[in-house]
Amino acid sequence: MAESPHAEPDSLGNEAAGGYVVGVVHYRSYDDLDRCLAAVGDQKLRPAWVFVVDGDSDPEQLAAARERHPGVDFEAVANRGYAAGANHILARVAEQRPDAAFCLLLNPDVELEPEFAERLVAATRARPEVAIATGKLLRSDGRTLDSAGIELPAHRRPRDRGSQQLDRGQFDSGEYVFAASGAAMLLRCAALTDLSLDGEIFDEDFFLYHEDTDLSWRAGRLGWRVWYEPSARALHARGWRRADRFRVPVAVRRHSFKNHYLQLVKNETTAGLLRGLPLLLAWEVLRLGFVLLRDRALLPAYADAWRGIGGATRKRRLLVKRIVERRARVGE
């Protein structure tokens, strides 16, 4: 029987007394940030602390934001991507709010409904096997689904469930999912030490995109679960949409492209790779064809991925070692 990584009863008792904190990874979208923080302030379950990491700040706008949101702590940092910003938040939470049970990480273009935190925290608290949770994310019109959790298809390209579908209640049942979107992700603080790999929760080699699915995939391999709670609802404006992909800076698109390969190297099992190899190869042929015919600016991303494989392989070995050690401790 596999060893459970879940919190022991004593720690769950402490967790029940702990509150939650909110962290926002922000980069020069102060209007979005105002709406996000206003929604956080309207939560029925009030956070114990709200902390904004402001990448490559505009000093004047940051000063104005501080005045508009006096109950929020801001810190100006160099922009090293979402992963580094989220890790910085989690490190500060550990230092300044060590009693926090949960940390809700948000993108600034997310507006929570007033019951979001209350419902998501309650659902996660009731399930000690859950390390990561998310709610139902809708586009700005409030009717179109943005993400009902993330699934992992056979071709291993993670995708948001229900994305761009009209919300007709098709995802109104709470359930375990493969991954949670980093746009609105609740983390159980007691799980973070176990989820940390090479000193990082989110892989900072990713810079941005797929760091949420990489973390969720790792959590699953370590015995944790990811929960989707549909009663926790939020709006997500989403900066990257398929129809507008060519408006996204090339450097950003390259990160998304190469990170797909890095998370495969880090997390895919040998059995899973062999089982899905024909479909994976067919998908990659199609992907290369798209790049050659439609988006040649992405070609350097193959070289970026190749340069990152060494680090991803080393982290894979660390993950596998931890899994093997856990199994050995329970006699498997």
Foldseek 3Di string as FASTA:
>chain_A
DFDAPFDDPVVLVLLVVAAEEEEEEEEPPLVLLVQAVVLQVLAPRHGPAYEYEYAPDDVVSVVVVCVVCVRHHYDYDHQLADQVRVQVVLVVCCVPVVSHFKYKYAYSNKHWHRHQVVQFVVVCSVPRLAFKEDEFEAAPVVFQGQAQFWAQDLLRDIDGPRHRHGPPPPSQDKDWHQFGDSNIMMGGSSCQVVLDFPNGNFDSLLRDACSRNLSSLLSVLVRGIYMYHHVTYMYGNDPDDPVCNVVPDLVNVLSNVLVSLLSCLQHPDPVSCVVSVVVNVVVVVVVVVCCVPPNVSNVCSVVVNVVCNVVSNVRSVRSVVVSVVSCVVVPD
